[in-house]
Protein backbone atom coordinates (compact mmCIF):
# COMPACT_ATOMS: atom_id res chain seq x y z
CA MET A 1 115.90 131.12 96.84
CA SER A 2 113.16 130.52 94.38
CA THR A 3 112.67 126.96 93.16
CA ILE A 4 113.19 126.03 89.53
CA VAL A 5 112.16 122.48 88.52
CA ASN A 6 114.30 121.05 85.77
CA SER A 7 115.84 117.60 85.31
CA TRP A 8 116.09 115.56 82.12
CA ASN A 9 118.48 112.79 82.96
CA GLU A 10 120.33 110.94 85.73
CA TRP A 11 123.78 112.62 85.43
CA ASP A 12 123.71 116.38 84.68
CA PRO A 13 125.02 118.52 87.53
CA LEU A 14 122.66 118.23 90.51
CA LYS A 15 121.71 121.53 92.16
CA HIS A 16 118.44 120.79 94.04
CA VAL A 17 117.25 117.49 95.51
CA ILE A 18 114.80 115.92 97.93
CA VAL A 19 116.23 113.57 100.57
CA GLY A 20 113.91 111.25 102.46
CA ARG A 21 113.32 110.71 106.14
CA ALA A 22 112.96 107.59 108.23
CA ASP A 23 110.48 108.93 110.74
CA ASP A 24 107.81 106.52 112.01
CA CYS A 25 108.69 103.95 109.22
CA HIS A 26 106.64 100.71 109.50
CA ILE A 27 107.03 97.24 108.22
CA PRO A 28 103.64 96.92 106.48
CA PRO A 29 101.21 94.08 107.01
CA GLU A 30 100.89 91.26 104.49
CA GLU A 31 99.33 92.27 101.12
CA PRO A 32 99.62 90.76 97.65
CA ALA A 33 102.27 93.05 96.19
CA LEU A 34 104.37 93.04 99.28
CA ASP A 35 104.22 89.24 99.80
CA ALA A 36 105.52 88.71 96.28
CA LYS A 37 108.52 90.91 96.97
CA VAL A 38 109.70 89.38 100.33
CA PRO A 39 112.14 86.47 99.66
CA GLU A 40 110.91 83.24 101.03
CA ASP A 41 113.80 82.86 103.48
CA SER A 42 113.68 86.50 104.60
CA ASP A 43 113.46 87.60 108.25
CA MET A 44 110.68 89.93 107.03
CA ARG A 45 108.19 87.08 106.64
CA GLY A 46 105.33 87.38 109.06
CA GLN A 47 106.55 90.58 110.70
CA TRP A 48 104.84 93.96 110.67
CA GLY A 49 104.63 97.07 112.84
CA ARG A 50 106.70 100.13 113.62
CA ARG A 51 110.40 99.71 113.22
CA PRO A 52 112.51 99.94 116.42
CA GLN A 53 113.14 103.51 117.46
CA ASP A 54 116.94 103.03 117.66
CA SER A 55 116.95 101.88 114.05
CA ILE A 56 114.83 104.87 112.98
CA ASP A 57 117.20 107.23 114.84
CA ARG A 58 120.23 105.69 113.17
CA ALA A 59 118.69 105.85 109.68
CA ASN A 60 117.76 109.50 110.22
CA GLU A 61 121.25 110.26 111.42
CA LEU A 62 122.66 108.83 108.18
CA LEU A 63 120.11 110.60 106.00
CA ASP A 64 120.74 113.89 107.78
CA ASN A 65 124.46 113.49 107.28
CA PHE A 66 123.94 112.77 103.57
CA ALA A 67 121.72 115.86 103.26
CA SER A 68 124.32 117.97 105.00
CA MET A 69 127.07 116.72 102.76
CA LEU A 70 125.05 117.57 99.63
CA ALA A 71 124.28 121.02 101.06
CA SER A 72 127.99 121.58 101.76
CA ARG A 73 128.57 121.06 98.03
CA GLY A 74 126.15 123.85 97.18
CA ILE A 75 123.18 121.54 96.46
CA GLU A 76 119.82 122.76 97.81
CA VAL A 77 118.18 120.04 99.86
CA ASP A 78 114.52 119.64 100.74
CA ARG A 79 112.94 117.08 103.01
CA PRO A 80 109.45 115.47 103.05
CA THR A 81 106.86 115.91 105.79
CA PRO A 82 106.09 112.49 107.26
CA ILE A 83 102.48 111.58 107.93
CA ASP A 84 101.29 109.10 110.63
CA PHE A 85 102.28 105.80 109.01
CA SER A 86 100.73 103.87 111.88
CA LEU A 87 97.30 104.70 110.53
CA PRO A 88 95.58 102.16 108.27
CA ALA A 89 95.24 102.80 104.54
CA ILE A 90 91.52 102.57 103.76
CA THR A 91 89.66 103.03 100.49
CA PRO A 92 86.34 101.67 99.25
CA ASP A 93 88.34 98.80 97.66
CA PHE A 94 90.85 97.75 100.33
CA GLN A 95 92.08 98.15 103.90
CA THR A 96 95.60 97.55 105.19
CA GLU A 97 96.45 98.07 108.84
CA SER A 98 99.48 100.41 108.49
CA GLN A 99 101.48 102.26 105.94
CA PHE A 100 105.20 102.42 105.05
CA GLY A 101 107.32 105.55 105.25
CA CYS A 102 108.94 108.32 103.22
CA MET A 103 112.62 107.40 103.05
CA PRO A 104 112.60 106.69 99.25
CA PRO A 105 111.12 109.71 97.38
CA ARG A 106 112.53 108.25 94.19
CA ASP A 107 109.78 105.60 94.33
CA VAL A 108 107.01 108.17 94.30
CA LEU A 109 108.26 111.22 92.30
CA LEU A 110 109.43 111.27 88.65
CA THR A 111 110.94 114.49 87.45
CA VAL A 112 110.87 115.04 83.71
CA GLY A 113 111.92 118.49 82.62
CA SER A 114 109.85 121.00 84.55
CA GLU A 115 107.26 118.39 85.62
CA ILE A 116 107.17 116.23 88.74
CA LEU A 117 104.82 113.28 88.32
CA GLU A 118 103.39 111.33 91.24
CA ALA A 119 103.41 107.62 90.43
CA THR A 120 100.41 105.37 90.87
CA MET A 121 102.30 103.10 93.30
CA SER A 122 101.51 99.38 93.34
CA TYR A 123 101.38 98.67 97.08
CA ARG A 124 98.30 99.33 99.14
CA CYS A 125 100.41 100.44 102.08
CA ARG A 126 101.96 103.17 99.91
CA TRP A 127 98.74 104.58 98.47
CA PHE A 128 98.87 107.78 100.56
CA GLU A 129 102.64 108.27 100.47
CA TYR A 130 102.38 111.13 98.03
CA LEU A 131 100.97 113.26 100.88
CA CYS A 132 104.47 113.53 102.41
CA TYR A 133 105.58 115.50 99.33
CA ARG A 134 102.58 117.74 98.82
CA PRO A 135 103.98 120.65 100.96
CA LEU A 136 107.04 120.70 98.71
CA MET A 137 104.91 120.42 95.55
CA GLN A 138 102.91 123.41 96.75
CA LYS A 139 106.04 125.38 97.46
CA TYR A 140 107.50 124.62 93.97
CA TRP A 141 104.18 125.59 92.41
CA ASN A 142 104.23 128.95 94.14
CA GLU A 143 107.80 129.67 93.23
CA ASP A 144 108.20 128.34 89.67
CA PRO A 145 105.64 129.53 87.17
CA ASN A 146 106.76 126.82 84.69
CA PHE A 147 106.42 123.92 87.15
CA ARG A 148 103.91 121.24 86.29
CA HIS A 149 102.68 119.10 89.19
CA GLU A 150 100.96 116.00 87.82
CA ALA A 151 99.57 112.93 89.42
CA ALA A 152 98.88 109.63 87.64
CA PRO A 153 95.40 108.14 88.17
CA LYS A 154 95.18 106.52 91.56
CA PRO A 155 94.63 102.77 91.06
CA ARG A 156 91.91 100.87 92.94
CA LEU A 157 94.33 98.03 93.87
CA THR A 158 91.66 95.43 94.16
CA ASP A 159 92.56 91.72 94.21
CA SER A 160 92.20 91.85 90.41
CA ASP A 161 95.48 93.81 90.21
CA TYR A 162 97.51 90.80 91.43
CA HIS A 163 98.09 87.27 90.19
CA PRO A 164 97.08 84.79 92.97
CA ASP A 165 99.83 82.42 91.81
CA TYR A 166 102.33 84.70 93.66
CA LEU A 167 100.54 84.37 97.00
CA SER A 168 102.10 81.04 97.81
CA GLU A 169 105.02 81.25 100.22
CA LYS A 170 106.71 78.24 98.57
CA ILE A 171 107.04 79.15 94.94
CA GLY A 172 110.77 78.63 94.91
CA VAL A 173 113.48 80.70 93.25
CA GLU A 174 113.65 78.44 90.18
CA LYS A 175 109.91 78.97 89.49
CA ARG A 176 110.26 82.69 90.09
CA LEU A 177 113.14 82.96 87.64
CA GLN A 178 111.09 81.14 84.99
CA TRP A 179 108.16 83.39 85.52
CA ALA A 180 110.40 86.51 85.26
CA ALA A 181 111.84 85.23 82.01
CA GLU A 182 108.30 84.72 80.74
CA LYS A 183 107.36 88.29 81.92
CA PHE A 184 104.74 86.87 84.29
CA PHE A 185 104.80 89.11 87.35
CA VAL A 186 102.62 89.61 90.41
CA THR A 187 100.86 92.61 88.84
CA THR A 188 98.14 92.02 86.27
CA GLU A 189 97.03 94.35 83.49
CA GLU A 190 93.83 95.32 85.25
CA GLU A 191 94.80 99.01 85.35
CA PRO A 192 97.96 101.16 84.93
CA LEU A 193 100.48 100.59 87.67
CA PHE A 194 103.98 102.02 88.02
CA ASP A 195 106.52 103.20 90.61
CA ALA A 196 108.66 106.16 89.63
CA ALA A 197 111.78 104.23 90.54
CA ASP A 198 111.19 101.91 87.55
CA VAL A 199 111.93 104.77 85.18
CA LEU A 200 115.37 106.00 84.07
CA ARG A 201 115.65 109.30 82.20
CA PHE A 202 117.91 109.59 79.18
CA GLY A 203 116.85 112.98 77.85
CA LYS A 204 114.35 112.33 75.03
CA ASP A 205 114.18 108.64 75.99
CA LEU A 206 112.60 107.09 79.05
CA VAL A 207 113.60 103.51 79.90
CA VAL A 208 111.02 101.71 82.05
CA GLN A 209 111.30 98.31 83.72
CA HIS A 210 108.37 95.94 83.33
CA GLY A 211 108.24 93.94 86.57
CA PHE A 212 106.51 93.52 89.90
CA THR A 213 105.73 97.20 90.46
CA THR A 214 105.21 98.45 86.88
CA ASN A 215 102.92 96.71 84.37
CA LEU A 216 102.54 97.17 80.63
CA LYS A 217 99.50 99.40 81.06
CA GLY A 218 101.61 101.57 83.35
CA ILE A 219 104.27 101.85 80.71
CA GLU A 220 101.65 102.67 78.09
CA TRP A 221 100.24 105.29 80.40
CA ILE A 222 103.69 106.89 80.66
CA ARG A 223 104.09 106.75 76.84
CA ARG A 224 100.80 108.61 76.35
CA HIS A 225 101.57 111.13 79.09
CA PHE A 226 104.93 112.06 77.59
CA PRO A 227 104.12 112.04 73.83
CA ASP A 228 107.29 113.93 72.95
CA HIS A 229 109.49 111.24 74.48
CA ARG A 230 110.41 107.73 73.31
CA VAL A 231 109.44 105.23 75.95
CA HIS A 232 111.15 101.83 76.05
CA ALA A 233 110.01 98.80 78.07
CA VAL A 234 112.84 96.62 79.37
CA ASN A 235 113.07 93.61 81.63
CA PHE A 236 115.94 91.73 83.26
CA PRO A 237 115.78 87.91 83.34
CA GLY A 238 117.73 86.61 86.30
CA ASP A 239 115.97 88.62 88.91
CA PRO A 240 113.37 86.60 90.87
CA TYR A 241 112.07 89.80 92.56
CA PRO A 242 112.14 92.47 89.80
CA ILE A 243 111.35 95.66 91.66
CA HIS A 244 112.80 99.00 90.60
CA ILE A 245 115.43 99.45 87.94
CA ASP A 246 118.05 101.34 89.95
CA ALA A 247 119.84 98.39 91.44
CA THR A 248 120.05 96.71 88.06
CA PHE A 249 120.76 99.38 85.37
CA THR A 250 122.71 102.50 86.36
CA PRO A 251 123.62 105.23 83.83
CA LEU A 252 126.71 107.14 84.97
CA ARG A 253 127.14 109.63 82.13
CA PRO A 254 126.39 109.87 78.42
CA GLY A 255 127.61 106.67 76.83
CA LEU A 256 128.18 104.60 80.00
CA ILE A 257 125.89 102.32 81.97
CA LEU A 258 126.43 99.78 84.75
CA ASN A 259 124.41 96.59 84.45
CA ASN A 260 123.88 93.99 87.21
CA PRO A 261 125.82 90.95 85.96
CA GLN A 262 123.16 88.65 87.34
CA ARG A 263 120.37 90.56 85.57
CA ARG A 264 121.76 91.42 82.16
CA LEU A 265 119.70 93.38 79.70
CA PRO A 266 118.65 91.01 76.89
CA GLU A 267 120.51 91.30 73.62
CA GLU A 268 117.52 92.52 71.61
CA GLN A 269 116.95 95.33 74.17
CA ARG A 270 120.65 96.30 74.05
CA ARG A 271 120.39 97.31 70.41
CA MET A 272 119.32 100.90 71.00
CA PHE A 273 122.38 101.37 73.26
CA ASN A 274 124.85 99.55 70.99
CA ASP A 275 123.71 101.37 67.89
CA ASN A 276 124.20 104.73 69.52
CA GLY A 277 127.68 104.14 70.96
CA TRP A 278 126.73 103.37 74.59
CA GLU A 279 128.91 101.01 76.59
CA ILE A 280 127.19 98.67 79.11
CA VAL A 281 129.57 97.23 81.66
CA ASP A 282 129.00 94.68 84.41
CA ALA A 283 128.86 96.24 87.85
CA ALA A 284 131.37 95.22 90.48
CA GLN A 285 130.30 92.58 92.97
CA PRO A 286 128.65 93.81 96.22
CA ALA A 287 130.85 93.96 99.29
CA HIS A 288 128.24 92.11 101.37
CA ASN A 289 126.84 88.60 101.13
CA ALA A 290 123.45 89.51 102.63
CA PRO A 291 121.29 92.63 103.06
CA PRO A 292 120.94 94.23 106.50
CA ALA A 293 118.34 92.87 108.93
CA LEU A 294 114.73 93.53 108.03
CA CYS A 295 115.64 94.82 104.61
CA TYR A 296 113.48 94.19 101.51
CA SER A 297 116.28 94.97 99.07
CA SER A 298 119.05 92.75 97.71
CA VAL A 299 122.88 93.12 98.17
CA TRP A 300 122.82 94.90 94.79
CA LEU A 301 122.00 98.22 96.45
CA SER A 302 125.74 98.47 95.91
CA MET A 303 124.79 99.75 92.48
CA ASN A 304 122.27 102.24 93.87
CA VAL A 305 124.53 105.26 93.52
CA LEU A 306 123.74 108.98 93.15
CA VAL A 307 125.54 110.74 90.23
CA LEU A 308 126.16 114.38 91.12
CA ASP A 309 127.67 115.24 87.73
CA PRO A 310 129.25 113.29 84.85
CA LYS A 311 132.52 113.02 86.83
CA THR A 312 131.24 112.68 90.44
CA VAL A 313 129.30 109.91 92.07
CA CYS A 314 128.16 109.11 95.61
CA VAL A 315 128.77 105.43 96.57
CA GLU A 316 127.84 103.79 99.88
CA LYS A 317 130.96 103.80 102.12
CA SER A 318 131.14 99.99 102.67
CA GLU A 319 130.74 99.21 99.00
CA VAL A 320 134.47 99.19 98.38
CA TYR A 321 134.36 97.18 95.18
CA GLN A 322 131.83 99.49 93.57
CA ALA A 323 133.88 102.50 94.62
CA GLU A 324 137.03 100.97 93.11
CA GLN A 325 135.19 100.30 89.83
CA MET A 326 133.91 103.88 89.67
CA ASP A 327 137.39 105.20 90.21
CA LYS A 328 138.65 103.03 87.30
CA LEU A 329 135.85 104.41 85.15
CA GLY A 330 137.12 107.89 85.71
CA MET A 331 134.61 108.98 88.32
CA ASN A 332 135.45 110.95 91.46
CA VAL A 333 133.92 108.94 94.32
CA ILE A 334 132.28 110.39 97.41
CA GLU A 335 131.77 107.84 100.10
CA VAL A 336 128.49 108.12 101.94
CA GLU A 337 127.58 105.96 104.93
CA LEU A 338 124.00 104.69 104.43
CA ARG A 339 123.87 100.95 104.87
CA ASP A 340 122.04 101.14 108.21
CA ALA A 341 119.26 102.98 106.37
CA TYR A 342 118.84 100.48 103.55
CA ALA A 343 115.99 98.73 105.29
CA PHE A 344 113.92 101.91 105.20
CA GLY A 345 113.57 101.91 101.44
CA GLY A 346 116.84 101.57 99.53
CA GLY A 347 120.18 103.23 98.73
CA LEU A 348 121.55 106.58 97.68
CA HIS A 349 119.51 106.85 94.54
CA CYS A 350 116.32 105.59 96.16
CA CYS A 351 116.47 108.06 99.06
CA THR A 352 116.65 111.09 96.75
CA ALA A 353 114.51 112.70 94.03
CA ASP A 354 115.79 115.32 91.64
CA VAL A 355 114.35 118.81 91.60
CA TYR A 356 116.93 120.57 89.46
CA ARG A 357 119.84 119.47 87.34
CA GLU A 358 121.65 121.83 85.02
CA GLY A 359 121.21 121.13 81.31
CA GLY A 360 118.41 120.80 78.88
CA LEU A 361 116.61 118.16 76.87
CA GLU A 362 119.05 116.20 74.70
CA ASP A 363 118.75 113.24 72.28
CA TYR A 364 121.33 110.67 73.38
CA PHE A 365 120.03 108.06 70.82
CA PRO A 366 120.06 109.97 67.52
CA LYS A 367 119.92 106.77 65.42
CA LEU A 368 116.48 105.88 66.86
CA ALA A 369 113.48 106.75 64.73
CA GLY A 370 110.90 109.13 66.08
């Protein structure tokens, strides 16, 4: 079956997807971007090295089951090719002693129409992660004459890319919340930085979170790269560790979005949605009081769902409150067990990247100028 790359939003019927792998995943050594992300009371502090093999095997079992379920529904599934993540990442500007993994392709790959864009990434340990997806990109290139494979400029990631204020282990949550409200994040404006998972696709409009992994220069780079799109910067006060938008703001179908009730979109940024008839509802509370062991992410991975079509959504099996809310919102819920893989890079949205969704480019915000 020949590949066709096409995906303009987060909800059109999904027909082809990449699902990540947990092979050889490492907890990376300390580095500025990573240190800022790890909560001060986390069991991740001070640890690095290859994750235990039994946890890798369990995560791969869950990812394989997820991939098989998608395939059983007629969705074509591709998988990345892991590299040796035990090797150091070395450039003329930095060295870090190991890398990360390839469980969350959503972090690296942004599909907009017939283009798949490799993000800059903001962590030194993830600088070479794009290599895991190059065999697939080459395959798509060979099979789809309209496919555009693009890569954003690789950043140098020198110390100038990070605010030294964030290197203290004892900043405190109150101070972090103040800084987030002031839009003062660990990344500076030295050069364009962004992760693909900070971008949500609404047809003609791209909504990008300004936070730890994506800076304003990164958002401006995206704006210039997609001149036919409207690009909107958003931020979410209330999150002391603002990394990736997909556990905070989750579009389900045209006109409906879940918003993390602890990280509400500010009123002035809601205007584009309100003026165009979109409803933003608070997401249900997570079913867990804490993330799994050795996990970077928050309990709000409960919101990290994968929409298969405007009436069907995959929800993590243990997230019973989120599944109940989806049912009340008129969605057919598919329960997927994935919690034991959270520590490898995120939830159901994180561990996938779109290749093909039915549908074309639409304007879901017709009252916006431009």
